[in-house]
């Protein structure tokens, strides 16, 4: 089912709140009405896909991060202009970390390659996450 305008607005507000930056913009993907592009200024930084399986509507935000593990937190803080973003180690997981905004869990950042030279942030957004937006 295609993304609706109200969903796009709510997703945009949710991401702005989550990352602490009003410059994030969510727009319908012109090539696929079941997905959206996430922009920061003029730059596309990621995408959102819809999942309608099991009768529940949810969304998945994916963002490629082109830096190594040693600069991951600094890169995200600089990108979103938010010093409250933190990287937290995951128990028994060496290939991924958690991204938090203060005390709030945002998503999992996984290594794209064994040497950890690039990463992907994956963030699940459930329909009830959008209720306040």
C-alpha atoms as a PDB file:
ATOM      1  CA  UNK A   1       0.000   0.000   0.000  1.00  0.00           C
ATOM      2  CA  UNK A   2       1.422   3.450  -0.890  1.00  0.00           C
ATOM      3  CA  UNK A   3       2.653   5.889   1.730  1.00  0.00           C
ATOM      4  CA  UNK A   4       0.105   8.557   2.583  1.00  0.00           C
ATOM      5  CA  UNK A   5       0.847  12.276   2.997  1.00  0.00           C
ATOM      6  CA  UNK A   6      -0.038  12.120   6.698  1.00  0.00           C
ATOM      7  CA  UNK A   7       2.399   9.229   7.170  1.00  0.00           C
ATOM      8  CA  UNK A   8       5.157  11.161   5.411  1.00  0.00           C
ATOM      9  CA  UNK A   9       4.571  14.144   7.709  1.00  0.00           C
ATOM     10  CA  UNK A  10       4.517  11.958  10.819  1.00  0.00           C
ATOM     11  CA  UNK A  11       7.665  10.088   9.747  1.00  0.00           C
ATOM     12  CA  UNK A  12       9.413  13.410   9.132  1.00  0.00           C
ATOM     13  CA  UNK A  13       8.442  14.735  12.575  1.00  0.00           C
ATOM     14  CA  UNK A  14       9.429  11.439  14.206  1.00  0.00           C
ATOM     15  CA  UNK A  15      12.891  11.509  12.601  1.00  0.00           C
ATOM     16  CA  UNK A  16      13.363  15.211  13.416  1.00  0.00           C
ATOM     17  CA  UNK A  17      12.541  14.454  17.047  1.00  0.00           C
ATOM     18  CA  UNK A  18      14.664  11.276  17.142  1.00  0.00           C
ATOM     19  CA  UNK A  19      17.787  12.901  15.718  1.00  0.00           C
ATOM     20  CA  UNK A  20      17.179  16.317  17.267  1.00  0.00           C
ATOM     21  CA  UNK A  21      17.376  18.235  14.005  1.00  0.00           C
ATOM     22  CA  UNK A  22      14.594  20.110  12.189  1.00  0.00           C
ATOM     23  CA  UNK A  23      16.459  20.059   8.858  1.00  0.00           C
ATOM     24  CA  UNK A  24      15.487  16.439   8.119  1.00  0.00           C
ATOM     25  CA  UNK A  25      12.951  16.075   5.337  1.00  0.00           C
ATOM     26  CA  UNK A  26      10.966  13.012   4.231  1.00  0.00           C
ATOM     27  CA  UNK A  27       9.624  12.873   0.677  1.00  0.00           C
ATOM     28  CA  UNK A  28       7.867  10.194  -1.343  1.00  0.00           C
ATOM     29  CA  UNK A  29      10.246   8.231  -3.549  1.00  0.00           C
ATOM     30  CA  UNK A  30       9.174   9.148  -7.111  1.00  0.00           C
ATOM     31  CA  UNK A  31      10.107   5.661  -8.372  1.00  0.00           C
ATOM     32  CA  UNK A  32       8.345   3.676  -5.647  1.00  0.00           C
ATOM     33  CA  UNK A  33       5.249   4.970  -3.812  1.00  0.00           C
ATOM     34  CA  UNK A  34       5.788   2.380  -1.065  1.00  0.00           C
ATOM     35  CA  UNK A  35       9.019   4.040   0.029  1.00  0.00           C
ATOM     36  CA  UNK A  36      10.328   7.473   0.936  1.00  0.00           C
ATOM     37  CA  UNK A  37      13.638   9.280   0.724  1.00  0.00           C
ATOM     38  CA  UNK A  38      15.126  10.999   3.754  1.00  0.00           C
ATOM     39  CA  UNK A  39      17.044  14.198   3.050  1.00  0.00           C
ATOM     40  CA  UNK A  40      19.249  16.384   5.168  1.00  0.00           C
ATOM     41  CA  UNK A  41      19.346  19.692   3.359  1.00  0.00           C
ATOM     42  CA  UNK A  42      19.742  18.814  -0.310  1.00  0.00           C
ATOM     43  CA  UNK A  43      21.510  15.526   0.412  1.00  0.00           C
ATOM     44  CA  UNK A  44      19.699  12.171   0.441  1.00  0.00           C
ATOM     45  CA  UNK A  45      20.915  10.335   3.532  1.00  0.00           C
ATOM     46  CA  UNK A  46      18.636   7.296   3.604  1.00  0.00           C
ATOM     47  CA  UNK A  47      15.344   5.675   2.803  1.00  0.00           C
ATOM     48  CA  UNK A  48      12.186   4.424   4.459  1.00  0.00           C
ATOM     49  CA  UNK A  49      10.368   1.270   3.369  1.00  0.00           C
ATOM     50  CA  UNK A  50       6.857   0.181   4.380  1.00  0.00           C
ATOM     51  CA  UNK A  51       6.127  -3.242   5.858  1.00  0.00           C
ATOM     52  CA  UNK A  52       2.463  -4.290   5.801  1.00  0.00           C
ATOM     53  CA  UNK A  53       2.980  -7.961   6.644  1.00  0.00           C
ATOM     54  CA  UNK A  54       0.864  -9.557   9.340  1.00  0.00           C
ATOM     55  CA  UNK A  55      -1.695  -6.731   9.109  1.00  0.00           C
ATOM     56  CA  UNK A  56       0.493  -4.314  11.082  1.00  0.00           C
ATOM     57  CA  UNK A  57       1.974  -1.303   9.330  1.00  0.00           C
ATOM     58  CA  UNK A  58       5.566  -0.484  10.215  1.00  0.00           C
ATOM     59  CA  UNK A  59       8.476   1.310   8.607  1.00  0.00           C
ATOM     60  CA  UNK A  60      12.183   0.695   8.261  1.00  0.00           C
ATOM     61  CA  UNK A  61      14.676   3.563   8.009  1.00  0.00           C
ATOM     62  CA  UNK A  62      18.083   2.634   6.550  1.00  0.00           C
ATOM     63  CA  UNK A  63      21.049   4.987   6.296  1.00  0.00           C
ATOM     64  CA  UNK A  64      24.536   4.231   4.980  1.00  0.00           C
ATOM     65  CA  UNK A  65      27.338   5.701   7.096  1.00  0.00           C
ATOM     66  CA  UNK A  66      30.605   6.063   5.152  1.00  0.00           C
ATOM     67  CA  UNK A  67      33.049   6.170   8.076  1.00  0.00           C
ATOM     68  CA  UNK A  68      34.943   3.697  10.248  1.00  0.00           C
ATOM     69  CA  UNK A  69      34.053   2.657  13.794  1.00  0.00           C
ATOM     70  CA  UNK A  70      36.548   5.046  15.388  1.00  0.00           C
ATOM     71  CA  UNK A  71      34.743   8.115  14.021  1.00  0.00           C
ATOM     72  CA  UNK A  72      31.163   6.823  13.932  1.00  0.00           C
ATOM     73  CA  UNK A  73      29.808   8.770  16.923  1.00  0.00           C
ATOM     74  CA  UNK A  74      31.630  11.961  15.965  1.00  0.00           C
ATOM     75  CA  UNK A  75      30.349  11.721  12.373  1.00  0.00           C
ATOM     76  CA  UNK A  76      26.709  11.290  13.457  1.00  0.00           C
ATOM     77  CA  UNK A  77      26.952  14.109  16.013  1.00  0.00           C
ATOM     78  CA  UNK A  78      28.416  16.444  13.392  1.00  0.00           C
ATOM     79  CA  UNK A  79      25.956  15.387  10.673  1.00  0.00           C
ATOM     80  CA  UNK A  80      22.867  15.950  12.814  1.00  0.00           C
ATOM     81  CA  UNK A  81      24.415  18.765  14.908  1.00  0.00           C
ATOM     82  CA  UNK A  82      23.440  16.895  18.065  1.00  0.00           C
ATOM     83  CA  UNK A  83      25.889  16.006  20.858  1.00  0.00           C
ATOM     84  CA  UNK A  84      23.268  13.834  22.566  1.00  0.00           C
ATOM     85  CA  UNK A  85      23.691  11.051  19.974  1.00  0.00           C
ATOM     86  CA  UNK A  86      25.761   8.227  21.456  1.00  0.00           C
ATOM     87  CA  UNK A  87      27.101   4.899  20.287  1.00  0.00           C
ATOM     88  CA  UNK A  88      26.708   2.050  22.791  1.00  0.00           C
ATOM     89  CA  UNK A  89      28.290  -1.405  22.552  1.00  0.00           C
ATOM     90  CA  UNK A  90      25.949  -4.382  22.260  1.00  0.00           C
ATOM     91  CA  UNK A  91      26.424  -7.404  24.499  1.00  0.00           C
ATOM     92  CA  UNK A  92      28.100 -10.290  22.701  1.00  0.00           C
ATOM     93  CA  UNK A  93      27.952  -8.454  19.354  1.00  0.00           C
ATOM     94  CA  UNK A  94      31.212  -7.185  17.861  1.00  0.00           C
ATOM     95  CA  UNK A  95      29.865  -6.325  14.390  1.00  0.00           C
ATOM     96  CA  UNK A  96      27.237  -3.796  15.518  1.00  0.00           C
ATOM     97  CA  UNK A  97      26.476  -1.048  18.038  1.00  0.00           C
ATOM     98  CA  UNK A  98      23.363   0.762  19.235  1.00  0.00           C
ATOM     99  CA  UNK A  99      22.575   4.385  18.472  1.00  0.00           C
ATOM    100  CA  UNK A 100      20.888   6.329  21.251  1.00  0.00           C
ATOM    101  CA  UNK A 101      19.607   9.889  21.612  1.00  0.00           C
ATOM    102  CA  UNK A 102      20.142  10.523  25.295  1.00  0.00           C
ATOM    103  CA  UNK A 103      18.452   7.579  27.010  1.00  0.00           C
ATOM    104  CA  UNK A 104      16.277   6.722  23.971  1.00  0.00           C
ATOM    105  CA  UNK A 105      17.269   3.790  21.751  1.00  0.00           C
ATOM    106  CA  UNK A 106      17.091   4.722  18.061  1.00  0.00           C
ATOM    107  CA  UNK A 107      18.451   1.754  16.157  1.00  0.00           C
ATOM    108  CA  UNK A 108      21.270  -0.647  15.376  1.00  0.00           C
ATOM    109  CA  UNK A 109      24.342   0.261  13.374  1.00  0.00           C
ATOM    110  CA  UNK A 110      25.924  -2.756  11.656  1.00  0.00           C
ATOM    111  CA  UNK A 111      29.241  -3.055   9.870  1.00  0.00           C
ATOM    112  CA  UNK A 112      28.936  -3.394   6.086  1.00  0.00           C
ATOM    113  CA  UNK A 113      32.303  -5.112   5.783  1.00  0.00           C
ATOM    114  CA  UNK A 114      34.553  -7.193   8.067  1.00  0.00           C
ATOM    115  CA  UNK A 115      37.062  -4.335   8.478  1.00  0.00           C
ATOM    116  CA  UNK A 116      34.378  -1.904   9.690  1.00  0.00           C
ATOM    117  CA  UNK A 117      35.075   0.822   7.133  1.00  0.00           C
ATOM    118  CA  UNK A 118      31.388   1.585   6.523  1.00  0.00           C
ATOM    119  CA  UNK A 119      28.153   0.978   8.404  1.00  0.00           C
ATOM    120  CA  UNK A 120      24.388   0.951   8.001  1.00  0.00           C
ATOM    121  CA  UNK A 121      21.938   2.346  10.533  1.00  0.00           C
ATOM    122  CA  UNK A 122      18.690   0.360  10.685  1.00  0.00           C
ATOM    123  CA  UNK A 123      15.804   1.865  12.589  1.00  0.00           C
ATOM    124  CA  UNK A 124      12.411   0.206  13.007  1.00  0.00           C
ATOM    125  CA  UNK A 125       9.463   2.605  13.266  1.00  0.00           C
ATOM    126  CA  UNK A 126       6.212   1.053  14.436  1.00  0.00           C
ATOM    127  CA  UNK A 127       2.816   2.582  13.725  1.00  0.00           C
ATOM    128  CA  UNK A 128       2.301   3.466  17.399  1.00  0.00           C
ATOM    129  CA  UNK A 129       5.656   5.334  17.405  1.00  0.00           C
ATOM    130  CA  UNK A 130       3.974   7.875  15.115  1.00  0.00           C
ATOM    131  CA  UNK A 131       0.866   8.436  17.273  1.00  0.00           C
ATOM    132  CA  UNK A 132       2.292  11.537  19.009  1.00  0.00           C
ATOM    133  CA  UNK A 133       3.272  13.245  15.752  1.00  0.00           C
END
